[in-house]
């Protein structure tokens, strides 16, 4: 396994639940190595976990790329999650306030 603190960028294929745990753990470890606070570490790990879980649930497989995007002014981690699932049929509707599929917390959990 690659040490996330030594990487500028690494990609984790998401094919089963163990990959979710790996992505979550690597994101948290990188956040800790960058000395982000424990609340930020938890938020990042939770976001990675939820996004990668959605890959398995809705697309079957995909990938999670975690990037140490820090510079001299700020510590920053970029997460890119990709899959080839069915997508959202009406994105404009889904972005409206109050829209819900009734299936989960989704973006509302971050407000």
C-alpha atoms as a PDB file:
ATOM      1  CA  UNK A   1       0.000   0.000   0.000  1.00  0.00           C
ATOM      2  CA  UNK A   2       1.259   3.474  -0.846  1.00  0.00           C
ATOM      3  CA  UNK A   3       1.894   5.868   2.036  1.00  0.00           C
ATOM      4  CA  UNK A   4      -0.554   8.731   1.354  1.00  0.00           C
ATOM      5  CA  UNK A   5       1.631  11.331   3.066  1.00  0.00           C
ATOM      6  CA  UNK A   6       4.446  10.752   0.583  1.00  0.00           C
ATOM      7  CA  UNK A   7       2.216  10.974  -2.484  1.00  0.00           C
ATOM      8  CA  UNK A   8       1.213  14.027  -4.409  1.00  0.00           C
ATOM      9  CA  UNK A   9      -1.610  12.030  -6.003  1.00  0.00           C
ATOM     10  CA  UNK A  10      -2.878   8.480  -5.765  1.00  0.00           C
ATOM     11  CA  UNK A  11      -5.901   6.620  -7.100  1.00  0.00           C
ATOM     12  CA  UNK A  12      -7.785   3.838  -5.360  1.00  0.00           C
ATOM     13  CA  UNK A  13      -9.968   1.604  -7.547  1.00  0.00           C
ATOM     14  CA  UNK A  14     -13.355   1.146  -5.843  1.00  0.00           C
ATOM     15  CA  UNK A  15     -14.693  -2.373  -6.416  1.00  0.00           C
ATOM     16  CA  UNK A  16     -15.842  -3.551  -2.971  1.00  0.00           C
ATOM     17  CA  UNK A  17     -16.328  -2.382   0.614  1.00  0.00           C
ATOM     18  CA  UNK A  18     -12.674  -2.914   1.543  1.00  0.00           C
ATOM     19  CA  UNK A  19     -11.750  -0.270  -1.037  1.00  0.00           C
ATOM     20  CA  UNK A  20     -14.075   2.194   0.722  1.00  0.00           C
ATOM     21  CA  UNK A  21     -12.211   1.602   3.978  1.00  0.00           C
ATOM     22  CA  UNK A  22      -8.865   2.000   2.225  1.00  0.00           C
ATOM     23  CA  UNK A  23      -9.864   5.286   0.571  1.00  0.00           C
ATOM     24  CA  UNK A  24     -11.301   6.618   3.835  1.00  0.00           C
ATOM     25  CA  UNK A  25      -8.199   5.625   5.787  1.00  0.00           C
ATOM     26  CA  UNK A  26      -5.782   7.074   3.258  1.00  0.00           C
ATOM     27  CA  UNK A  27      -7.678  10.374   3.143  1.00  0.00           C
ATOM     28  CA  UNK A  28      -7.684  10.605   6.945  1.00  0.00           C
ATOM     29  CA  UNK A  29      -3.980   9.715   7.127  1.00  0.00           C
ATOM     30  CA  UNK A  30      -3.056  12.389   4.582  1.00  0.00           C
ATOM     31  CA  UNK A  31      -5.148  14.942   6.493  1.00  0.00           C
ATOM     32  CA  UNK A  32      -3.368  14.002   9.730  1.00  0.00           C
ATOM     33  CA  UNK A  33       0.063  14.245   8.087  1.00  0.00           C
ATOM     34  CA  UNK A  34      -0.871  17.700   6.797  1.00  0.00           C
ATOM     35  CA  UNK A  35      -1.808  18.575  10.399  1.00  0.00           C
ATOM     36  CA  UNK A  36      -5.456  19.308   9.672  1.00  0.00           C
ATOM     37  CA  UNK A  37      -7.613  19.410  12.799  1.00  0.00           C
ATOM     38  CA  UNK A  38      -9.416  16.292  13.985  1.00  0.00           C
ATOM     39  CA  UNK A  39     -12.826  17.690  12.967  1.00  0.00           C
ATOM     40  CA  UNK A  40     -11.549  18.327   9.424  1.00  0.00           C
ATOM     41  CA  UNK A  41      -9.992  14.859   9.318  1.00  0.00           C
ATOM     42  CA  UNK A  42     -13.345  13.347  10.287  1.00  0.00           C
ATOM     43  CA  UNK A  43     -15.282  15.453   7.756  1.00  0.00           C
ATOM     44  CA  UNK A  44     -12.893  14.460   4.970  1.00  0.00           C
ATOM     45  CA  UNK A  45     -13.016  10.767   5.899  1.00  0.00           C
ATOM     46  CA  UNK A  46     -16.822  10.874   6.050  1.00  0.00           C
ATOM     47  CA  UNK A  47     -17.095  12.601   2.664  1.00  0.00           C
ATOM     48  CA  UNK A  48     -14.744  10.079   1.033  1.00  0.00           C
ATOM     49  CA  UNK A  49     -16.638   7.208   2.640  1.00  0.00           C
ATOM     50  CA  UNK A  50     -20.046   8.461   1.447  1.00  0.00           C
ATOM     51  CA  UNK A  51     -18.864   9.250  -2.076  1.00  0.00           C
ATOM     52  CA  UNK A  52     -17.155   5.898  -2.529  1.00  0.00           C
ATOM     53  CA  UNK A  53     -20.132   4.072  -1.019  1.00  0.00           C
ATOM     54  CA  UNK A  54     -22.307   5.772  -3.649  1.00  0.00           C
ATOM     55  CA  UNK A  55     -19.991   4.381  -6.337  1.00  0.00           C
ATOM     56  CA  UNK A  56     -20.669   0.828  -5.190  1.00  0.00           C
ATOM     57  CA  UNK A  57     -24.375   1.395  -4.634  1.00  0.00           C
ATOM     58  CA  UNK A  58     -25.196   3.164  -7.893  1.00  0.00           C
ATOM     59  CA  UNK A  59     -22.425   2.327 -10.373  1.00  0.00           C
ATOM     60  CA  UNK A  60     -20.849  -0.905  -9.165  1.00  0.00           C
ATOM     61  CA  UNK A  61     -17.261   0.287  -9.499  1.00  0.00           C
ATOM     62  CA  UNK A  62     -15.168   3.387 -10.038  1.00  0.00           C
ATOM     63  CA  UNK A  63     -12.179   5.190  -8.574  1.00  0.00           C
ATOM     64  CA  UNK A  64     -11.261   7.698  -5.892  1.00  0.00           C
ATOM     65  CA  UNK A  65      -8.264   9.954  -6.489  1.00  0.00           C
ATOM     66  CA  UNK A  66      -6.842  11.793  -3.489  1.00  0.00           C
ATOM     67  CA  UNK A  67      -4.442  14.646  -4.184  1.00  0.00           C
ATOM     68  CA  UNK A  68      -2.207  16.586  -1.832  1.00  0.00           C
ATOM     69  CA  UNK A  69      -2.926  19.976  -3.399  1.00  0.00           C
ATOM     70  CA  UNK A  70      -1.208  22.011  -0.676  1.00  0.00           C
ATOM     71  CA  UNK A  71       0.909  25.030  -1.493  1.00  0.00           C
ATOM     72  CA  UNK A  72       2.883  27.629   0.490  1.00  0.00           C
ATOM     73  CA  UNK A  73      -0.289  29.463   1.530  1.00  0.00           C
ATOM     74  CA  UNK A  74      -2.618  26.608   2.496  1.00  0.00           C
ATOM     75  CA  UNK A  75      -2.919  22.934   3.257  1.00  0.00           C
ATOM     76  CA  UNK A  76      -5.367  21.398   0.819  1.00  0.00           C
ATOM     77  CA  UNK A  77      -6.597  17.954  -0.202  1.00  0.00           C
ATOM     78  CA  UNK A  78      -8.503  17.436  -3.442  1.00  0.00           C
ATOM     79  CA  UNK A  79     -10.712  14.376  -3.848  1.00  0.00           C
ATOM     80  CA  UNK A  80     -11.957  13.260  -7.267  1.00  0.00           C
ATOM     81  CA  UNK A  81     -14.503  10.453  -7.388  1.00  0.00           C
ATOM     82  CA  UNK A  82     -15.344   8.898 -10.760  1.00  0.00           C
ATOM     83  CA  UNK A  83     -17.700   6.221 -11.979  1.00  0.00           C
ATOM     84  CA  UNK A  84     -19.656   5.338 -15.097  1.00  0.00           C
ATOM     85  CA  UNK A  85     -23.038   4.839 -13.453  1.00  0.00           C
ATOM     86  CA  UNK A  86     -26.434   6.008 -14.705  1.00  0.00           C
ATOM     87  CA  UNK A  87     -26.101   9.522 -13.276  1.00  0.00           C
ATOM     88  CA  UNK A  88     -28.884  11.874 -12.229  1.00  0.00           C
ATOM     89  CA  UNK A  89     -31.647  12.092 -14.858  1.00  0.00           C
ATOM     90  CA  UNK A  90     -32.582  15.761 -14.210  1.00  0.00           C
ATOM     91  CA  UNK A  91     -29.618  17.592 -12.690  1.00  0.00           C
ATOM     92  CA  UNK A  92     -31.401  20.977 -12.688  1.00  0.00           C
ATOM     93  CA  UNK A  93     -34.244  19.509 -10.624  1.00  0.00           C
ATOM     94  CA  UNK A  94     -31.827  17.785  -8.259  1.00  0.00           C
ATOM     95  CA  UNK A  95     -30.058  21.094  -7.545  1.00  0.00           C
ATOM     96  CA  UNK A  96     -33.257  22.920  -6.535  1.00  0.00           C
ATOM     97  CA  UNK A  97     -33.798  23.706  -2.872  1.00  0.00           C
ATOM     98  CA  UNK A  98     -36.033  21.155  -1.234  1.00  0.00           C
ATOM     99  CA  UNK A  99     -35.487  18.418  -3.824  1.00  0.00           C
ATOM    100  CA  UNK A 100     -35.135  14.944  -2.359  1.00  0.00           C
ATOM    101  CA  UNK A 101     -35.269  11.424  -3.650  1.00  0.00           C
ATOM    102  CA  UNK A 102     -36.189  10.375  -0.138  1.00  0.00           C
ATOM    103  CA  UNK A 103     -33.386   7.827  -0.210  1.00  0.00           C
ATOM    104  CA  UNK A 104     -30.788   9.510   1.970  1.00  0.00           C
ATOM    105  CA  UNK A 105     -29.226  12.634   3.411  1.00  0.00           C
ATOM    106  CA  UNK A 106     -27.201  13.571   0.340  1.00  0.00           C
ATOM    107  CA  UNK A 107     -25.921  17.143   0.127  1.00  0.00           C
ATOM    108  CA  UNK A 108     -28.395  18.246   2.782  1.00  0.00           C
ATOM    109  CA  UNK A 109     -26.148  16.742   5.435  1.00  0.00           C
ATOM    110  CA  UNK A 110     -23.470  19.327   4.641  1.00  0.00           C
ATOM    111  CA  UNK A 111     -25.629  22.436   5.129  1.00  0.00           C
END
